[in-house]
Amino acid sequence: MATSLRLLDAGPGSLRRWIPTCFAALLLLPPRPNLVCGAPWWSDSLEERHHWPWEVSLQIENEHVCGGALIDQSWVVSAAHCIQGNKEYLVMLGSSTLQPSGSPWALKIPVGDIIMHPKYWGQNFIRSDIALLCLETPVTFNKYIQPICLPEHNFNLKVGMKCWVTGWGQAKQHPSAKLTRSLELWEAEVSIVDNKNCDRVFHKKTFYPQVIPLIRKNMICTTNHRENPCYGDPGGPLACEVHGRWILAGIFSWEKACTKAPNLSVYTRIDKYTGWIKEQVSRGARSGRCRTSCLLFLPWLLQLPVSPGPPHPFLFLLCLC
């Protein structure tokens, strides 16, 4: 910690002078296993192949209320509209079932801090529907508990791109039955839909004038033609595989009435909030409230230009993690 503080107080100079010091500090720290995001370990086993290791269940009094995605040892991303006042929340990790009796990998960890996006709007059509949850105890990564990668700013998400949504959504046992929550994790492949086309569909169901966009640039719209449309959980991840890594493209926010496929679903677009997420994680690490493994920062740090001047405030994390 002292090394990091001295670096922050150093005067102008070349970044090359102090970067080796940070890496030397890293070598003195005990190793942390599996510091890799978006790389699930799947085998030929059906159970393991359908386990999404970043999926979490957000719970109140051990009852599932929303989904979420693990992005670091201490941080989970979920939807802001899932937060219900001053409730005490738990996060369950490492399990694909809501009743993981006897599972050695299932963990339940209390949430220590919740950060709502300052521009969250929960009335009518939700906006900036994102929240960060800081866990009281950092998790240890294993093949059942792993983080998903955050997208870089302006992530290239193309119309028609195939991604996956997961969650303990609602299902019907037969067409006339009522919707019931599944105890097992659901998954469904979805396609990215053009926001303008999606916006036109939603405008047909409302009294809002066309000049008021309902689907904005910080949202993602998807459709699914084959699966039950009620597979998702609020706050659950929309994961896209890019060059062998799984990226958190979005978190489930809202959808049309859960009726029959095809159904349009709307997600908070994570790449529009990557900077905000990193800023909050940085503040949590500096205050000592939340520990970080630097998974969120290393790809970004390596892209910084080498130039004279004082170090960027985020760079001290390289010495802390």
Protein backbone atom coordinates (compact mmCIF):
# COMPACT_ATOMS: atom_id res chain seq x y z
CA MET A 1 0.00 0.00 0.00
CA ALA A 2 2.85 2.41 0.87
CA THR A 3 4.45 1.79 -2.50
CA SER A 4 1.23 2.72 -4.27
CA LEU A 5 0.83 5.93 -2.28
CA ARG A 6 4.31 7.06 -3.09
CA LEU A 7 3.68 6.47 -6.77
CA LEU A 8 0.54 8.56 -6.66
CA ASP A 9 2.42 11.42 -5.01
CA ALA A 10 5.33 11.32 -7.44
CA GLY A 11 5.94 14.32 -9.63
CA PRO A 12 5.92 14.40 -13.43
CA GLY A 13 8.10 11.83 -15.13
CA SER A 14 8.10 9.01 -17.59
CA LEU A 15 5.65 6.17 -17.03
CA ARG A 16 8.50 3.82 -17.82
CA ARG A 17 10.20 4.71 -14.52
CA TRP A 18 7.45 3.46 -12.27
CA ILE A 19 5.69 0.70 -14.26
CA PRO A 20 8.52 -1.80 -13.46
CA THR A 21 8.01 -0.97 -9.77
CA CYS A 22 4.37 -1.96 -10.01
CA PHE A 23 5.18 -5.28 -11.64
CA ALA A 24 7.88 -5.91 -9.03
CA ALA A 25 5.24 -5.36 -6.34
CA LEU A 26 2.97 -7.83 -8.11
CA LEU A 27 5.70 -10.48 -8.00
CA LEU A 28 5.94 -10.12 -4.21
CA LEU A 29 2.23 -10.81 -3.72
CA PRO A 30 0.87 -14.36 -3.34
CA PRO A 31 -0.54 -15.72 -6.61
CA ARG A 32 -4.26 -15.76 -7.22
CA PRO A 33 -5.44 -18.67 -9.32
CA ASN A 34 -7.46 -18.47 -12.51
CA LEU A 35 -7.38 -14.70 -13.01
CA VAL A 36 -9.07 -15.08 -16.37
CA CYS A 37 -12.44 -13.69 -17.35
CA GLY A 38 -14.94 -15.10 -19.81
CA ALA A 39 -13.34 -18.52 -20.13
CA PRO A 40 -15.68 -21.15 -18.67
CA TRP A 41 -14.42 -24.67 -18.25
CA TRP A 42 -16.91 -26.93 -19.99
CA SER A 43 -16.55 -30.68 -20.45
CA ASP A 44 -18.60 -33.30 -22.24
CA SER A 45 -20.76 -33.59 -19.14
CA LEU A 46 -24.20 -32.12 -19.83
CA GLU A 47 -24.38 -30.63 -16.32
CA GLU A 48 -21.02 -28.87 -16.58
CA ARG A 49 -21.51 -27.78 -20.19
CA HIS A 50 -24.63 -25.86 -19.24
CA HIS A 51 -23.11 -24.23 -16.18
CA TRP A 52 -22.45 -20.52 -16.65
CA PRO A 53 -19.88 -19.73 -13.94
CA TRP A 54 -20.54 -15.97 -13.77
CA GLU A 55 -24.29 -16.39 -13.23
CA VAL A 56 -25.47 -15.34 -9.77
CA SER A 57 -28.80 -15.39 -7.96
CA LEU A 58 -29.63 -12.22 -6.04
CA GLN A 59 -31.70 -13.23 -3.02
CA ILE A 60 -33.67 -11.74 -0.14
CA GLU A 61 -34.13 -14.08 2.83
CA ASN A 62 -32.90 -16.96 0.64
CA GLU A 63 -35.58 -16.29 -1.97
CA HIS A 64 -34.46 -15.58 -5.55
CA VAL A 65 -35.44 -12.11 -6.77
CA CYS A 66 -33.08 -11.32 -9.67
CA GLY A 67 -30.10 -12.50 -11.64
CA GLY A 68 -26.69 -10.93 -11.98
CA ALA A 69 -23.20 -11.42 -13.38
CA LEU A 70 -19.91 -11.77 -11.52
CA ILE A 71 -17.29 -9.44 -13.02
CA ASP A 72 -14.59 -9.62 -10.33
CA GLN A 73 -13.79 -11.25 -7.00
CA SER A 74 -15.97 -8.77 -5.12
CA TRP A 75 -18.30 -7.24 -7.70
CA VAL A 76 -21.58 -8.25 -9.32
CA VAL A 77 -23.54 -6.35 -11.97
CA SER A 78 -27.33 -6.46 -11.85
CA ALA A 79 -30.34 -4.31 -12.71
CA ALA A 80 -31.08 -1.24 -10.61
CA HIS A 81 -34.80 -1.96 -10.56
CA CYS A 82 -34.04 -5.16 -8.62
CA ILE A 83 -33.01 -3.16 -5.56
CA GLN A 84 -35.89 -2.85 -3.10
CA GLY A 85 -35.07 -0.23 -0.49
CA ASN A 86 -32.96 -1.22 2.51
CA LYS A 87 -33.29 -4.97 2.14
CA GLU A 88 -30.48 -7.32 3.11
CA TYR A 89 -29.29 -9.16 0.02
CA LEU A 90 -27.39 -12.37 -0.52
CA VAL A 91 -25.67 -13.48 -3.71
CA MET A 92 -25.57 -17.19 -4.54
CA LEU A 93 -22.74 -18.32 -6.82
CA GLY A 94 -21.46 -21.62 -8.18
CA SER A 95 -24.80 -23.32 -8.75
CA SER A 96 -27.17 -23.83 -11.67
CA THR A 97 -30.04 -24.70 -9.37
CA LEU A 98 -31.85 -22.58 -6.79
CA GLN A 99 -31.83 -25.55 -4.41
CA PRO A 100 -28.13 -26.52 -4.27
CA SER A 101 -28.39 -28.86 -1.29
CA GLY A 102 -25.12 -30.67 -0.78
CA SER A 103 -23.30 -28.82 -3.57
CA PRO A 104 -19.66 -28.21 -2.51
CA TRP A 105 -19.27 -25.25 -4.87
CA ALA A 106 -22.41 -23.26 -4.09
CA LEU A 107 -21.74 -20.14 -2.05
CA LYS A 108 -24.01 -17.55 -0.48
CA ILE A 109 -22.29 -14.26 0.33
CA PRO A 110 -23.93 -11.16 1.85
CA VAL A 111 -23.91 -7.97 -0.19
CA GLY A 112 -21.95 -5.28 1.62
CA ASP A 113 -22.61 -2.27 -0.58
CA ILE A 114 -24.92 -1.38 -3.46
CA ILE A 115 -24.21 1.38 -5.98
CA MET A 116 -27.10 2.52 -8.17
CA HIS A 117 -26.37 4.40 -11.36
CA PRO A 118 -27.11 8.10 -10.73
CA LYS A 119 -29.21 8.39 -13.91
CA TYR A 120 -31.40 5.39 -13.17
CA TRP A 121 -35.04 6.06 -13.96
CA GLY A 122 -37.53 3.42 -12.91
CA GLN A 123 -40.80 4.89 -14.09
CA ASN A 124 -42.57 3.60 -17.21
CA PHE A 125 -39.75 2.68 -19.62
CA ILE A 126 -36.66 2.10 -17.48
CA ARG A 127 -33.39 3.93 -18.17
CA SER A 128 -29.82 3.41 -16.91
CA ASP A 129 -31.03 0.20 -15.29
CA ILE A 130 -27.74 -0.90 -13.74
CA ALA A 131 -26.40 -1.41 -10.24
CA LEU A 132 -23.14 -2.68 -8.77
CA LEU A 133 -23.12 -5.01 -5.78
CA CYS A 134 -20.00 -5.26 -3.62
CA LEU A 135 -19.69 -8.59 -1.80
CA GLU A 136 -18.70 -8.64 1.86
CA THR A 137 -16.23 -11.46 1.17
CA PRO A 138 -14.22 -11.86 -2.06
CA VAL A 139 -14.77 -15.15 -3.87
CA THR A 140 -12.08 -17.61 -4.87
CA PHE A 141 -12.34 -18.50 -8.54
CA ASN A 142 -12.73 -22.13 -9.59
CA LYS A 143 -14.33 -23.85 -12.56
CA TYR A 144 -17.81 -23.23 -11.11
CA ILE A 145 -17.22 -19.59 -10.12
CA GLN A 146 -15.57 -17.36 -12.72
CA PRO A 147 -16.06 -13.77 -13.88
CA ILE A 148 -17.30 -12.67 -17.27
CA CYS A 149 -15.37 -10.03 -19.22
CA LEU A 150 -16.52 -6.44 -19.46
CA PRO A 151 -16.75 -5.01 -22.98
CA GLU A 152 -14.57 -2.16 -24.09
CA HIS A 153 -16.25 1.16 -24.84
CA ASN A 154 -18.18 1.04 -28.14
CA PHE A 155 -18.15 -2.75 -28.24
CA ASN A 156 -18.94 -3.88 -31.79
CA LEU A 157 -22.36 -5.45 -31.30
CA LYS A 158 -23.80 -6.14 -34.74
CA VAL A 159 -27.45 -6.65 -35.68
CA GLY A 160 -28.08 -10.37 -36.12
CA MET A 161 -25.25 -11.37 -33.81
CA LYS A 162 -26.01 -14.46 -31.73
CA CYS A 163 -25.66 -14.25 -27.95
CA TRP A 164 -26.97 -16.16 -24.96
CA VAL A 165 -29.27 -15.14 -22.15
CA THR A 166 -29.48 -17.16 -18.95
CA GLY A 167 -31.61 -17.05 -15.84
CA TRP A 168 -34.09 -18.76 -13.58
CA GLY A 169 -36.97 -17.45 -15.64
CA GLN A 170 -40.58 -18.43 -15.79
CA ALA A 171 -41.90 -21.40 -17.71
CA LYS A 172 -45.16 -23.14 -18.61
CA GLN A 173 -45.51 -26.87 -18.26
CA HIS A 174 -48.28 -26.74 -20.90
CA PRO A 175 -49.98 -23.88 -22.83
CA SER A 176 -52.89 -23.41 -20.40
CA ALA A 177 -50.76 -23.56 -17.25
CA LYS A 178 -49.69 -20.59 -15.17
CA LEU A 179 -46.14 -19.29 -15.30
CA THR A 180 -43.89 -20.77 -12.61
CA ARG A 181 -40.27 -20.04 -11.79
CA SER A 182 -37.78 -22.67 -12.83
CA LEU A 183 -35.48 -24.11 -10.18
CA GLU A 184 -32.91 -24.93 -12.85
CA LEU A 185 -30.97 -22.36 -14.82
CA TRP A 186 -32.40 -21.70 -18.27
CA GLU A 187 -30.42 -20.68 -21.32
CA ALA A 188 -31.51 -19.47 -24.74
CA GLU A 189 -29.77 -18.21 -27.85
CA VAL A 190 -31.01 -14.80 -28.96
CA SER A 191 -30.34 -12.46 -31.88
CA ILE A 192 -29.47 -8.78 -31.66
CA VAL A 193 -32.23 -6.61 -33.18
CA ASP A 194 -31.83 -3.15 -34.68
CA ASN A 195 -32.82 -0.59 -32.04
CA LYS A 196 -34.93 1.48 -34.46
CA ASN A 197 -36.98 -1.54 -35.52
CA CYS A 198 -37.39 -2.56 -31.89
CA ASP A 199 -38.44 0.98 -30.98
CA ARG A 200 -41.19 0.94 -33.64
CA VAL A 201 -42.60 -2.29 -32.23
CA PHE A 202 -42.78 -0.91 -28.69
CA HIS A 203 -44.30 2.38 -29.86
CA LYS A 204 -47.24 0.45 -31.30
CA LYS A 205 -48.09 -0.69 -27.76
CA THR A 206 -47.87 2.76 -26.12
CA PHE A 207 -49.26 6.28 -26.43
CA TYR A 208 -45.80 7.84 -26.60
CA PRO A 209 -45.15 9.90 -29.76
CA GLN A 210 -42.62 8.56 -32.23
CA VAL A 211 -40.28 11.47 -31.56
CA ILE A 212 -39.65 10.12 -28.04
CA PRO A 213 -37.31 7.10 -28.36
CA LEU A 214 -38.13 4.21 -26.07
CA ILE A 215 -35.10 2.13 -27.08
CA ARG A 216 -32.03 4.30 -26.63
CA LYS A 217 -28.35 3.95 -27.50
CA ASN A 218 -27.58 2.62 -24.03
CA MET A 219 -29.97 -0.31 -24.54
CA ILE A 220 -29.86 -3.57 -26.50
CA CYS A 221 -32.87 -5.29 -28.04
CA THR A 222 -32.97 -9.04 -28.74
CA THR A 223 -35.45 -11.55 -30.10
CA ASN A 224 -35.84 -15.29 -29.86
CA HIS A 225 -37.96 -17.39 -32.23
CA ARG A 226 -37.66 -20.83 -30.72
CA GLU A 227 -37.54 -20.86 -26.93
CA ASN A 228 -40.11 -19.93 -24.32
CA PRO A 229 -39.85 -16.13 -24.13
CA CYS A 230 -39.91 -16.01 -20.34
CA TYR A 231 -36.45 -17.48 -19.82
CA GLY A 232 -34.74 -14.36 -18.47
CA ASP A 233 -34.29 -12.86 -15.04
CA PRO A 234 -34.13 -9.12 -14.38
CA GLY A 235 -30.45 -8.33 -13.98
CA GLY A 236 -29.39 -11.56 -15.69
CA PRO A 237 -26.52 -11.54 -18.21
CA LEU A 238 -26.61 -11.30 -21.98
CA ALA A 239 -23.34 -13.02 -22.90
CA CYS A 240 -21.68 -12.92 -26.32
CA GLU A 241 -18.69 -15.04 -27.34
CA VAL A 242 -15.99 -13.04 -29.14
CA HIS A 243 -12.72 -14.70 -30.18
CA GLY A 244 -13.10 -17.41 -27.55
CA ARG A 245 -13.97 -15.04 -24.68
CA TRP A 246 -17.42 -14.40 -23.25
CA ILE A 247 -18.33 -10.73 -22.97
CA LEU A 248 -21.06 -9.21 -20.82
CA ALA A 249 -22.93 -7.33 -23.54
CA GLY A 250 -26.01 -6.53 -21.46
CA ILE A 251 -28.12 -7.17 -18.39
CA PHE A 252 -31.79 -7.99 -18.70
CA SER A 253 -34.01 -4.98 -17.99
CA TRP A 254 -37.54 -5.42 -19.41
CA GLU A 255 -39.55 -7.02 -22.19
CA LYS A 256 -42.96 -7.16 -23.78
CA ALA A 257 -45.69 -9.09 -22.02
CA CYS A 258 -44.49 -12.65 -21.56
CA THR A 259 -46.78 -14.40 -24.01
CA LYS A 260 -45.47 -16.39 -26.93
CA ALA A 261 -42.39 -16.41 -29.15
CA PRO A 262 -41.06 -14.40 -30.85
CA ASN A 263 -40.58 -11.94 -28.03
CA LEU A 264 -38.53 -8.75 -27.80
CA SER A 265 -36.39 -8.18 -24.72
CA VAL A 266 -34.49 -5.06 -23.70
CA TYR A 267 -31.12 -5.01 -21.94
CA THR A 268 -28.93 -2.33 -20.43
CA ARG A 269 -25.97 -2.00 -22.81
CA ILE A 270 -22.88 -2.55 -20.66
CA ASP A 271 -20.26 -0.95 -22.92
CA LYS A 272 -22.01 2.39 -22.37
CA TYR A 273 -21.31 1.99 -18.64
CA THR A 274 -17.86 0.35 -18.63
CA GLY A 275 -16.17 3.59 -17.59
CA TRP A 276 -18.65 4.12 -14.75
CA ILE A 277 -18.17 0.53 -13.54
CA LYS A 278 -14.37 0.87 -13.48
CA GLU A 279 -14.62 4.16 -11.66
CA GLN A 280 -16.83 2.66 -8.92
CA VAL A 281 -14.57 -0.39 -8.57
CA SER A 282 -11.56 1.92 -8.30
CA ARG A 283 -13.22 3.95 -5.55
CA GLY A 284 -14.19 0.79 -3.69
CA ALA A 285 -10.61 -0.51 -3.82
CA ARG A 286 -9.14 2.81 -2.66
CA SER A 287 -11.56 3.04 0.26
CA GLY A 288 -10.84 -0.56 1.27
CA ARG A 289 -14.52 -1.51 1.05
CA CYS A 290 -14.08 -3.86 -1.88
CA ARG A 291 -11.13 -5.86 -3.07
CA THR A 292 -10.42 -6.14 -6.79
CA SER A 293 -8.34 -8.60 -8.79
CA CYS A 294 -7.55 -6.00 -11.50
CA LEU A 295 -9.25 -8.15 -14.13
CA LEU A 296 -11.33 -5.11 -15.02
CA PHE A 297 -8.32 -2.88 -15.52
CA LEU A 298 -5.44 -4.84 -17.06
CA PRO A 299 -6.68 -4.88 -20.70
CA TRP A 300 -7.47 -1.18 -20.46
CA LEU A 301 -4.17 -0.28 -18.74
CA LEU A 302 -2.11 -1.98 -21.42
CA GLN A 303 -3.66 0.30 -24.04
CA LEU A 304 -2.57 3.53 -22.29
CA PRO A 305 0.01 5.58 -24.20
CA VAL A 306 3.50 5.85 -22.71
CA SER A 307 4.04 9.57 -22.25
CA PRO A 308 5.55 12.02 -19.75
CA GLY A 309 3.44 13.25 -16.87
CA PRO A 310 2.04 12.05 -13.57
CA PRO A 311 0.50 8.55 -13.44
CA HIS A 312 -3.20 8.16 -14.12
CA PRO A 313 -5.20 7.64 -10.87
CA PHE A 314 -6.43 4.20 -12.01
CA LEU A 315 -2.89 2.89 -12.48
CA PHE A 316 -2.25 2.51 -8.76
CA LEU A 317 -4.62 -0.48 -8.85
CA LEU A 318 -1.92 -2.43 -10.64
CA CYS A 319 0.12 -2.27 -7.43
CA LEU A 320 -2.81 -3.03 -5.13
CA CYS A 321 -4.30 -6.08 -6.76
